[in-house]
Amino acid sequence: MNKAISHDRLQETPEAKARWFQSLSLTERMELLCQFTDMILDVNPKIIETKDAKPIAGRVRVLSKT
């Protein structure tokens, strides 16, 4: 595995991002979730008042080009 740091967005594949996220501990994942939630609420505090959100029936499948 290449341990070098790259700043090329073309190398940021969904698979690479998933591997990075899976490498985090549960505590780190939950901290990120809290940070994302805080950021969203800072940008749009009225989002919690939204009533039109509906659950998705069935499963969610992530597709990628191979």
PDB file of N, CA and C in Angstrom:
ATOM      1  N   MET A   1       0.854  -1.186   0.000  1.00  0.00           N
ATOM      2  CA  MET A   1       0.000   0.000   0.000  1.00  0.00           C
ATOM      3  C   MET A   1       0.891   1.237   0.000  1.00  0.00           C
ATOM      4  N   ASN A   2       0.516   2.225  -0.768  1.00  0.00           N
ATOM      5  CA  ASN A   2       1.271   3.467  -0.873  1.00  0.00           C
ATOM      6  C   ASN A   2       0.979   4.337   0.348  1.00  0.00           C
ATOM      7  N   LYS A   3       2.021   4.665   1.115  1.00  0.00           N
ATOM      8  CA  LYS A   3       1.859   5.458   2.332  1.00  0.00           C
ATOM      9  C   LYS A   3       2.070   6.945   2.096  1.00  0.00           C
ATOM     10  N   ALA A   4       2.287   7.357   0.843  1.00  0.00           N
ATOM     11  CA  ALA A   4       2.522   8.753   0.530  1.00  0.00           C
ATOM     12  C   ALA A   4       1.224   9.551   0.625  1.00  0.00           C
ATOM     13  N   ILE A   5       1.359  10.829   0.889  1.00  0.00           N
ATOM     14  CA  ILE A   5       0.208  11.727   0.949  1.00  0.00           C
ATOM     15  C   ILE A   5      -0.004  12.326  -0.430  1.00  0.00           C
ATOM     16  N   SER A   6      -1.253  12.291  -0.891  1.00  0.00           N
ATOM     17  CA  SER A   6      -1.594  12.857  -2.187  1.00  0.00           C
ATOM     18  C   SER A   6      -2.625  13.953  -1.978  1.00  0.00           C
ATOM     19  N   HIS A   7      -2.535  14.985  -2.782  1.00  0.00           N
ATOM     20  CA  HIS A   7      -3.510  16.073  -2.720  1.00  0.00           C
ATOM     21  C   HIS A   7      -4.352  16.116  -3.997  1.00  0.00           C
ATOM     22  N   ASP A   8      -4.380  15.004  -4.716  1.00  0.00           N
ATOM     23  CA  ASP A   8      -5.114  14.901  -5.972  1.00  0.00           C
ATOM     24  C   ASP A   8      -6.511  14.357  -5.698  1.00  0.00           C
ATOM     25  N   ARG A   9      -7.532  15.155  -5.960  1.00  0.00           N
ATOM     26  CA  ARG A   9      -8.909  14.720  -5.695  1.00  0.00           C
ATOM     27  C   ARG A   9      -9.320  13.520  -6.553  1.00  0.00           C
ATOM     28  N   LEU A  10      -8.658  13.315  -7.685  1.00  0.00           N
ATOM     29  CA  LEU A  10      -8.983  12.174  -8.536  1.00  0.00           C
ATOM     30  C   LEU A  10      -8.640  10.851  -7.862  1.00  0.00           C
ATOM     31  N   GLN A  11      -7.748  10.888  -6.874  1.00  0.00           N
ATOM     32  CA  GLN A  11      -7.371   9.678  -6.152  1.00  0.00           C
ATOM     33  C   GLN A  11      -8.287   9.413  -4.956  1.00  0.00           C
ATOM     34  N   GLU A  12      -9.222  10.295  -4.693  1.00  0.00           N
ATOM     35  CA  GLU A  12     -10.141  10.133  -3.568  1.00  0.00           C
ATOM     36  C   GLU A  12     -11.368   9.342  -4.008  1.00  0.00           C
ATOM     37  N   THR A  13     -11.196   8.067  -4.213  1.00  0.00           N
ATOM     38  CA  THR A  13     -12.299   7.223  -4.644  1.00  0.00           C
ATOM     39  C   THR A  13     -13.221   6.916  -3.464  1.00  0.00           C
ATOM     40  N   PRO A  14     -14.467   6.584  -3.734  1.00  0.00           N
ATOM     41  CA  PRO A  14     -15.363   6.187  -2.640  1.00  0.00           C
ATOM     42  C   PRO A  14     -14.808   4.993  -1.855  1.00  0.00           C
ATOM     43  N   GLU A  15     -14.145   4.079  -2.552  1.00  0.00           N
ATOM     44  CA  GLU A  15     -13.581   2.914  -1.881  1.00  0.00           C
ATOM     45  C   GLU A  15     -12.469   3.321  -0.920  1.00  0.00           C
ATOM     46  N   ALA A  16     -11.626   4.262  -1.348  1.00  0.00           N
ATOM     47  CA  ALA A  16     -10.544   4.747  -0.486  1.00  0.00           C
ATOM     48  C   ALA A  16     -11.109   5.465   0.739  1.00  0.00           C
ATOM     49  N   LYS A  17     -12.151   6.233   0.529  1.00  0.00           N
ATOM     50  CA  LYS A  17     -12.784   6.924   1.647  1.00  0.00           C
ATOM     51  C   LYS A  17     -13.410   5.924   2.615  1.00  0.00           C
ATOM     52  N   ALA A  18     -14.028   4.875   2.078  1.00  0.00           N
ATOM     53  CA  ALA A  18     -14.620   3.842   2.932  1.00  0.00           C
ATOM     54  C   ALA A  18     -13.547   3.138   3.752  1.00  0.00           C
ATOM     55  N   ARG A  19     -12.407   2.824   3.121  1.00  0.00           N
ATOM     56  CA  ARG A  19     -11.311   2.177   3.860  1.00  0.00           C
ATOM     57  C   ARG A  19     -10.808   3.080   4.977  1.00  0.00           C
ATOM     58  N   TRP A  20     -10.690   4.382   4.687  1.00  0.00           N
ATOM     59  CA  TRP A  20     -10.248   5.318   5.715  1.00  0.00           C
ATOM     60  C   TRP A  20     -11.245   5.346   6.869  1.00  0.00           C
ATOM     61  N   PHE A  21     -12.533   5.442   6.559  1.00  0.00           N
ATOM     62  CA  PHE A  21     -13.553   5.510   7.601  1.00  0.00           C
ATOM     63  C   PHE A  21     -13.559   4.234   8.433  1.00  0.00           C
ATOM     64  N   GLN A  22     -13.408   3.081   7.775  1.00  0.00           N
ATOM     65  CA  GLN A  22     -13.390   1.807   8.496  1.00  0.00           C
ATOM     66  C   GLN A  22     -12.160   1.672   9.382  1.00  0.00           C
ATOM     67  N   SER A  23     -11.102   2.420   9.080  1.00  0.00           N
ATOM     68  CA  SER A  23      -9.893   2.350   9.899  1.00  0.00           C
ATOM     69  C   SER A  23     -10.043   3.121  11.213  1.00  0.00           C
ATOM     70  N   LEU A  24     -11.090   3.944  11.337  1.00  0.00           N
ATOM     71  CA  LEU A  24     -11.315   4.723  12.548  1.00  0.00           C
ATOM     72  C   LEU A  24     -11.929   3.857  13.634  1.00  0.00           C
ATOM     73  N   SER A  25     -11.659   4.212  14.866  1.00  0.00           N
ATOM     74  CA  SER A  25     -12.296   3.513  15.987  1.00  0.00           C
ATOM     75  C   SER A  25     -13.752   3.977  16.097  1.00  0.00           C
ATOM     76  N   LEU A  26     -14.532   3.257  16.871  1.00  0.00           N
ATOM     77  CA  LEU A  26     -15.935   3.631  17.062  1.00  0.00           C
ATOM     78  C   LEU A  26     -16.031   5.031  17.671  1.00  0.00           C
ATOM     79  N   THR A  27     -15.153   5.339  18.607  1.00  0.00           N
ATOM     80  CA  THR A  27     -15.148   6.666  19.226  1.00  0.00           C
ATOM     81  C   THR A  27     -14.859   7.747  18.197  1.00  0.00           C
ATOM     82  N   GLU A  28     -13.895   7.512  17.315  1.00  0.00           N
ATOM     83  CA  GLU A  28     -13.572   8.492  16.276  1.00  0.00           C
ATOM     84  C   GLU A  28     -14.718   8.656  15.288  1.00  0.00           C
ATOM     85  N   ARG A  29     -15.386   7.562  14.954  1.00  0.00           N
ATOM     86  CA  ARG A  29     -16.535   7.646  14.032  1.00  0.00           C
ATOM     87  C   ARG A  29     -17.663   8.462  14.645  1.00  0.00           C
ATOM     88  N   MET A  30     -17.931   8.231  15.930  1.00  0.00           N
ATOM     89  CA  MET A  30     -19.008   8.961  16.596  1.00  0.00           C
ATOM     90  C   MET A  30     -18.658  10.443  16.738  1.00  0.00           C
ATOM     91  N   GLU A  31     -17.384  10.746  16.972  1.00  0.00           N
ATOM     92  CA  GLU A  31     -16.947  12.138  17.052  1.00  0.00           C
ATOM     93  C   GLU A  31     -17.169  12.835  15.707  1.00  0.00           C
ATOM     94  N   LEU A  32     -16.852  12.155  14.613  1.00  0.00           N
ATOM     95  CA  LEU A  32     -17.103  12.723  13.281  1.00  0.00           C
ATOM     96  C   LEU A  32     -18.591  12.963  13.059  1.00  0.00           C
ATOM     97  N   LEU A  33     -19.420  11.998  13.463  1.00  0.00           N
ATOM     98  CA  LEU A  33     -20.870  12.153  13.312  1.00  0.00           C
ATOM     99  C   LEU A  33     -21.346  13.396  14.066  1.00  0.00           C
ATOM    100  N   CYS A  34     -20.858  13.587  15.284  1.00  0.00           N
ATOM    101  CA  CYS A  34     -21.242  14.768  16.066  1.00  0.00           C
ATOM    102  C   CYS A  34     -20.752  16.050  15.406  1.00  0.00           C
ATOM    103  N   GLN A  35     -19.542  16.027  14.869  1.00  0.00           N
ATOM    104  CA  GLN A  35     -19.017  17.218  14.188  1.00  0.00           C
ATOM    105  C   GLN A  35     -19.825  17.550  12.942  1.00  0.00           C
ATOM    106  N   PHE A  36     -20.176  16.532  12.159  1.00  0.00           N
ATOM    107  CA  PHE A  36     -20.997  16.759  10.963  1.00  0.00           C
ATOM    108  C   PHE A  36     -22.374  17.298  11.344  1.00  0.00           C
ATOM    109  N   THR A  37     -22.963  16.732  12.396  1.00  0.00           N
ATOM    110  CA  THR A  37     -24.274  17.189  12.845  1.00  0.00           C
ATOM    111  C   THR A  37     -24.212  18.642  13.296  1.00  0.00           C
ATOM    112  N   ASP A  38     -23.191  18.986  14.079  1.00  0.00           N
ATOM    113  CA  ASP A  38     -23.027  20.371  14.527  1.00  0.00           C
ATOM    114  C   ASP A  38     -22.851  21.320  13.342  1.00  0.00           C
ATOM    115  N   MET A  39     -22.057  20.901  12.353  1.00  0.00           N
ATOM    116  CA  MET A  39     -21.822  21.737  11.185  1.00  0.00           C
ATOM    117  C   MET A  39     -23.124  21.970  10.413  1.00  0.00           C
ATOM    118  N   ILE A  40     -23.898  20.914  10.211  1.00  0.00           N
ATOM    119  CA  ILE A  40     -25.164  21.035   9.482  1.00  0.00           C
ATOM    120  C   ILE A  40     -26.123  21.955  10.226  1.00  0.00           C
ATOM    121  N   LEU A  41     -26.193  21.805  11.547  1.00  0.00           N
ATOM    122  CA  LEU A  41     -27.090  22.652  12.334  1.00  0.00           C
ATOM    123  C   LEU A  41     -26.617  24.106  12.365  1.00  0.00           C
ATOM    124  N   ASP A  42     -25.300  24.330  12.313  1.00  0.00           N
ATOM    125  CA  ASP A  42     -24.786  25.699  12.247  1.00  0.00           C
ATOM    126  C   ASP A  42     -25.161  26.360  10.925  1.00  0.00           C
ATOM    127  N   VAL A  43     -25.089  25.605   9.837  1.00  0.00           N
ATOM    128  CA  VAL A  43     -25.390  26.147   8.519  1.00  0.00           C
ATOM    129  C   VAL A  43     -26.896  26.333   8.336  1.00  0.00           C
ATOM    130  N   ASN A  44     -27.677  25.375   8.824  1.00  0.00           N
ATOM    131  CA  ASN A  44     -29.123  25.418   8.616  1.00  0.00           C
ATOM    132  C   ASN A  44     -29.840  24.937   9.883  1.00  0.00           C
ATOM    133  N   PRO A  45     -30.031  25.808  10.875  1.00  0.00           N
ATOM    134  CA  PRO A  45     -30.642  25.382  12.135  1.00  0.00           C
ATOM    135  C   PRO A  45     -32.091  24.918  11.991  1.00  0.00           C
ATOM    136  N   LYS A  46     -32.755  25.343  10.934  1.00  0.00           N
ATOM    137  CA  LYS A  46     -34.156  24.964  10.755  1.00  0.00           C
ATOM    138  C   LYS A  46     -34.319  23.555  10.183  1.00  0.00           C
ATOM    139  N   ILE A  47     -33.209  22.887   9.921  1.00  0.00           N
ATOM    140  CA  ILE A  47     -33.292  21.559   9.322  1.00  0.00           C
ATOM    141  C   ILE A  47     -34.021  20.569  10.236  1.00  0.00           C
ATOM    142  N   ILE A  48     -33.952  20.787  11.532  1.00  0.00           N
ATOM    143  CA  ILE A  48     -34.628  19.870  12.460  1.00  0.00           C
ATOM    144  C   ILE A  48     -36.140  20.053  12.432  1.00  0.00           C
ATOM    145  N   GLU A  49     -36.598  21.166  11.852  1.00  0.00           N
ATOM    146  CA  GLU A  49     -38.032  21.409  11.741  1.00  0.00           C
ATOM    147  C   GLU A  49     -38.622  20.810  10.469  1.00  0.00           C
ATOM    148  N   THR A  50     -37.791  20.275   9.602  1.00  0.00           N
ATOM    149  CA  THR A  50     -38.252  19.735   8.327  1.00  0.00           C
ATOM    150  C   THR A  50     -39.160  18.536   8.571  1.00  0.00           C
ATOM    151  N   LYS A  51     -40.329  18.589   7.981  1.00  0.00           N
ATOM    152  CA  LYS A  51     -41.312  17.527   8.190  1.00  0.00           C
ATOM    153  C   LYS A  51     -41.465  16.592   6.998  1.00  0.00           C
ATOM    154  N   ASP A  52     -40.807  16.896   5.867  1.00  0.00           N
ATOM    155  CA  ASP A  52     -41.036  16.105   4.666  1.00  0.00           C
ATOM    156  C   ASP A  52     -40.043  14.955   4.481  1.00  0.00           C
ATOM    157  N   ALA A  53     -39.207  14.713   5.450  1.00  0.00           N
ATOM    158  CA  ALA A  53     -38.271  13.594   5.333  1.00  0.00           C
ATOM    159  C   ALA A  53     -39.033  12.282   5.482  1.00  0.00           C
ATOM    160  N   LYS A  54     -38.764  11.362   4.579  1.00  0.00           N
ATOM    161  CA  LYS A  54     -39.453  10.069   4.594  1.00  0.00           C
ATOM    162  C   LYS A  54     -38.407   8.957   4.597  1.00  0.00           C
ATOM    163  N   PRO A  55     -38.663   7.893   5.347  1.00  0.00           N
ATOM    164  CA  PRO A  55     -37.708   6.787   5.348  1.00  0.00           C
ATOM    165  C   PRO A  55     -37.705   6.080   3.997  1.00  0.00           C
ATOM    166  N   ILE A  56     -36.576   5.492   3.658  1.00  0.00           N
ATOM    167  CA  ILE A  56     -36.439   4.751   2.412  1.00  0.00           C
ATOM    168  C   ILE A  56     -36.821   3.301   2.668  1.00  0.00           C
ATOM    169  N   ALA A  57     -37.730   2.795   1.865  1.00  0.00           N
ATOM    170  CA  ALA A  57     -38.131   1.397   2.012  1.00  0.00           C
ATOM    171  C   ALA A  57     -37.044   0.496   1.439  1.00  0.00           C
ATOM    172  N   GLY A  58     -36.770  -0.596   2.102  1.00  0.00           N
ATOM    173  CA  GLY A  58     -35.783  -1.544   1.595  1.00  0.00           C
ATOM    174  C   GLY A  58     -34.365  -1.148   1.947  1.00  0.00           C
ATOM    175  N   ARG A  59     -33.439  -1.584   1.118  1.00  0.00           N
ATOM    176  CA  ARG A  59     -32.023  -1.347   1.374  1.00  0.00           C
ATOM    177  C   ARG A  59     -31.486  -0.225   0.502  1.00  0.00           C
ATOM    178  N   VAL A  60     -30.365   0.311   0.913  1.00  0.00           N
ATOM    179  CA  VAL A  60     -29.659   1.308   0.122  1.00  0.00           C
ATOM    180  C   VAL A  60     -28.431   0.618  -0.456  1.00  0.00           C
ATOM    181  N   ARG A  61     -28.270   0.697  -1.761  1.00  0.00           N
ATOM    182  CA  ARG A  61     -27.133   0.067  -2.415  1.00  0.00           C
ATOM    183  C   ARG A  61     -26.226   1.137  -2.998  1.00  0.00           C
ATOM    184  N   VAL A  62     -24.933   1.035  -2.695  1.00  0.00           N
ATOM    185  CA  VAL A  62     -23.953   1.973  -3.213  1.00  0.00           C
ATOM    186  C   VAL A  62     -23.320   1.346  -4.444  1.00  0.00           C
ATOM    187  N   LEU A  63     -23.405   2.047  -5.566  1.00  0.00           N
ATOM    188  CA  LEU A  63     -22.857   1.552  -6.816  1.00  0.00           C
ATOM    189  C   LEU A  63     -21.610   2.338  -7.181  1.00  0.00           C
ATOM    190  N   SER A  64     -20.676   1.660  -7.798  1.00  0.00           N
ATOM    191  CA  SER A  64     -19.478   2.347  -8.287  1.00  0.00           C
ATOM    192  C   SER A  64     -19.035   1.717  -9.578  1.00  0.00           C
ATOM    193  N   LYS A  65     -18.357   2.511 -10.398  1.00  0.00           N
ATOM    194  CA  LYS A  65     -17.818   1.986 -11.656  1.00  0.00           C
ATOM    195  C   LYS A  65     -16.594   1.141 -11.343  1.00  0.00           C
ATOM    196  N   THR A  66     -16.440   0.040 -12.058  1.00  0.00           N
ATOM    197  CA  THR A  66     -15.251  -0.804 -11.837  1.00  0.00           C
ATOM    198  C   THR A  66     -14.420  -0.862 -13.075  1.00  0.00           C
TER     199      THR A  66
END
